[in-house]
Amino acid sequence: RMHELQNADAEVVLPGGAGTMQEIAASVLMRRAGIYPVENRPLIIINHEGIFDPLLALIPAADFARYN
């Protein structure tokens, strides 16, 4: 499934469970490692009611600037 997501024009993440958090983490790690090109392909995280705050706190701000 992650491979299919890499062919998209953007990644939009809606609130979900543990699998959703795993997919966000995998996407960030693949971006960081340069496995898939991400130029002009944003990662949009819908952080409704702060559900992803703990996960977002783990991602360095420089990564947001570099990969989006």
C-alpha atoms as a PDB file:
ATOM      1  CA  ARG A   1       0.000   0.000   0.000  1.00  0.00           C
ATOM      2  CA  MET A   2       2.821   2.435   0.789  1.00  0.00           C
ATOM      3  CA  HIS A   3       4.240   1.886  -2.675  1.00  0.00           C
ATOM      4  CA  GLU A   4       0.921   2.934  -4.223  1.00  0.00           C
ATOM      5  CA  LEU A   5       0.858   6.095  -2.111  1.00  0.00           C
ATOM      6  CA  GLN A   6       4.201   7.134  -3.542  1.00  0.00           C
ATOM      7  CA  ASN A   7       2.617   7.514  -6.983  1.00  0.00           C
ATOM      8  CA  ALA A   8       0.166  10.159  -5.729  1.00  0.00           C
ATOM      9  CA  ASP A   9       0.433  13.919  -6.292  1.00  0.00           C
ATOM     10  CA  ALA A  10       0.021  14.493  -2.552  1.00  0.00           C
ATOM     11  CA  GLU A  11      -0.483  12.524   0.627  1.00  0.00           C
ATOM     12  CA  VAL A  12      -3.443  13.540   2.776  1.00  0.00           C
ATOM     13  CA  VAL A  13      -3.667  11.973   6.225  1.00  0.00           C
ATOM     14  CA  LEU A  14      -6.936  11.987   8.134  1.00  0.00           C
ATOM     15  CA  PRO A  15      -7.294  11.043  11.817  1.00  0.00           C
ATOM     16  CA  GLY A  16      -6.948   7.329  12.314  1.00  0.00           C
ATOM     17  CA  GLY A  17      -5.369   4.706  14.484  1.00  0.00           C
ATOM     18  CA  ALA A  18      -2.011   3.035  14.871  1.00  0.00           C
ATOM     19  CA  GLY A  19      -1.838   2.074  11.186  1.00  0.00           C
ATOM     20  CA  THR A  20      -2.278   5.676  10.144  1.00  0.00           C
ATOM     21  CA  MET A  21       0.539   6.778  12.437  1.00  0.00           C
ATOM     22  CA  GLN A  22       2.733   4.021  11.033  1.00  0.00           C
ATOM     23  CA  GLU A  23       2.044   5.232   7.495  1.00  0.00           C
ATOM     24  CA  ILE A  24       2.921   8.829   8.418  1.00  0.00           C
ATOM     25  CA  ALA A  25       6.164   7.681  10.017  1.00  0.00           C
ATOM     26  CA  ALA A  26       7.014   5.497   7.024  1.00  0.00           C
ATOM     27  CA  SER A  27       6.336   8.341   4.616  1.00  0.00           C
ATOM     28  CA  VAL A  28       8.559  10.723   6.584  1.00  0.00           C
ATOM     29  CA  LEU A  29      11.329   8.130   6.811  1.00  0.00           C
ATOM     30  CA  MET A  30      11.170   7.377   3.069  1.00  0.00           C
ATOM     31  CA  ARG A  31      11.284  11.100   2.321  1.00  0.00           C
ATOM     32  CA  ARG A  32      14.269  11.527   4.630  1.00  0.00           C
ATOM     33  CA  ALA A  33      16.107   8.561   3.089  1.00  0.00           C
ATOM     34  CA  GLY A  34      15.404   9.757  -0.456  1.00  0.00           C
ATOM     35  CA  ILE A  35      13.738   6.481  -1.414  1.00  0.00           C
ATOM     36  CA  TYR A  36      10.951   8.231  -3.322  1.00  0.00           C
ATOM     37  CA  PRO A  37      11.118  11.679  -4.935  1.00  0.00           C
ATOM     38  CA  VAL A  38       8.945  14.133  -3.027  1.00  0.00           C
ATOM     39  CA  GLU A  39       9.615  17.429  -4.756  1.00  0.00           C
ATOM     40  CA  ASN A  40       6.293  19.262  -5.126  1.00  0.00           C
ATOM     41  CA  ARG A  41       4.418  16.394  -3.433  1.00  0.00           C
ATOM     42  CA  PRO A  42       3.126  17.636  -0.101  1.00  0.00           C
ATOM     43  CA  LEU A  43       2.321  15.585   2.952  1.00  0.00           C
ATOM     44  CA  ILE A  44      -0.901  17.078   4.337  1.00  0.00           C
ATOM     45  CA  ILE A  45      -1.761  16.009   7.873  1.00  0.00           C
ATOM     46  CA  ILE A  46      -5.258  16.886   9.105  1.00  0.00           C
ATOM     47  CA  ASN A  47      -4.530  17.273  12.809  1.00  0.00           C
ATOM     48  CA  HIS A  48      -8.154  17.406  13.995  1.00  0.00           C
ATOM     49  CA  GLU A  49      -8.383  18.097  17.731  1.00  0.00           C
ATOM     50  CA  GLY A  50      -4.620  17.567  18.061  1.00  0.00           C
ATOM     51  CA  ILE A  51      -4.782  13.819  17.491  1.00  0.00           C
ATOM     52  CA  PHE A  52      -1.361  13.786  15.804  1.00  0.00           C
ATOM     53  CA  ASP A  53       0.360  16.256  18.183  1.00  0.00           C
ATOM     54  CA  PRO A  54       2.572  13.594  19.833  1.00  0.00           C
ATOM     55  CA  LEU A  55       3.716  12.262  16.472  1.00  0.00           C
ATOM     56  CA  LEU A  56       4.253  15.703  14.950  1.00  0.00           C
ATOM     57  CA  ALA A  57       6.395  16.665  17.934  1.00  0.00           C
ATOM     58  CA  LEU A  58       8.832  13.913  16.908  1.00  0.00           C
ATOM     59  CA  ILE A  59       9.331  15.279  13.380  1.00  0.00           C
ATOM     60  CA  PRO A  60      11.982  18.020  13.243  1.00  0.00           C
ATOM     61  CA  ALA A  61      10.738  21.349  11.883  1.00  0.00           C
ATOM     62  CA  ALA A  62      13.525  21.291   9.296  1.00  0.00           C
ATOM     63  CA  ASP A  63      11.996  18.131   7.806  1.00  0.00           C
ATOM     64  CA  PHE A  64       8.675  19.916   7.270  1.00  0.00           C
ATOM     65  CA  ALA A  65      10.443  22.707   5.422  1.00  0.00           C
ATOM     66  CA  ARG A  66      12.638  20.390   3.355  1.00  0.00           C
ATOM     67  CA  TYR A  67      10.099  17.735   2.364  1.00  0.00           C
ATOM     68  CA  ASN A  68       7.011  19.866   1.731  1.00  0.00           C
END
